[in-house]
């Protein structure tokens, strides 16, 4: 399992936004996410409230 696949389900479920953003930011800061992965997760997080 990758960091992205661990965080991804959290972007579409009831996990609070601040916790998901914290996970993305921490993984980005440590280099565990690629820029494209950060973009995908951030976009999914931002659009989850539009559904």
Protein backbone atom coordinates (compact mmCIF):
# COMPACT_ATOMS: atom_id res chain seq x y z
CA UNK A 1 0.00 0.00 0.00
CA UNK A 2 1.26 3.46 -0.83
CA UNK A 3 0.71 6.66 1.12
CA UNK A 4 -1.60 7.88 -1.65
CA UNK A 5 -3.77 4.76 -1.48
CA UNK A 6 -3.95 5.09 2.29
CA UNK A 7 -5.05 8.74 2.18
CA UNK A 8 -7.31 8.51 -0.88
CA UNK A 9 -10.33 6.86 0.82
CA UNK A 10 -10.22 9.55 3.48
CA UNK A 11 -10.93 12.19 0.85
CA UNK A 12 -14.35 10.70 0.12
CA UNK A 13 -15.48 9.59 3.56
CA UNK A 14 -16.28 11.32 6.81
CA UNK A 15 -12.70 11.93 7.91
CA UNK A 16 -12.48 15.61 8.90
CA UNK A 17 -10.90 17.81 6.25
CA UNK A 18 -8.27 19.17 8.61
CA UNK A 19 -6.98 15.64 9.32
CA UNK A 20 -6.80 14.69 5.66
CA UNK A 21 -5.03 17.94 4.82
CA UNK A 22 -2.61 17.32 7.69
CA UNK A 23 -1.83 13.85 6.32
CA UNK A 24 -1.27 15.23 2.82
CA UNK A 25 0.92 18.06 4.10
CA UNK A 26 3.01 15.75 6.29
CA UNK A 27 3.53 13.22 3.50
CA UNK A 28 4.45 16.02 1.12
CA UNK A 29 6.93 17.51 3.60
CA UNK A 30 8.69 14.18 4.06
CA UNK A 31 8.78 13.46 0.34
CA UNK A 32 6.47 10.46 0.60
CA UNK A 33 4.08 11.88 -2.02
CA UNK A 34 4.95 12.96 -5.53
CA UNK A 35 3.69 16.37 -6.71
CA UNK A 36 1.11 14.70 -8.98
CA UNK A 37 -0.17 12.63 -6.05
CA UNK A 38 -0.45 15.74 -3.90
CA UNK A 39 -2.43 17.45 -6.65
CA UNK A 40 -4.80 14.48 -7.08
CA UNK A 41 -5.46 14.12 -3.35
CA UNK A 42 -5.92 17.85 -2.84
CA UNK A 43 -8.35 18.07 -5.75
CA UNK A 44 -10.39 15.14 -4.44
CA UNK A 45 -10.45 16.69 -0.99
CA UNK A 46 -11.59 20.05 -2.33
CA UNK A 47 -14.32 18.56 -4.52
CA UNK A 48 -15.76 16.12 -2.00
CA UNK A 49 -18.16 18.75 -0.69
CA UNK A 50 -19.55 19.35 -4.18
CA UNK A 51 -21.04 15.85 -4.40
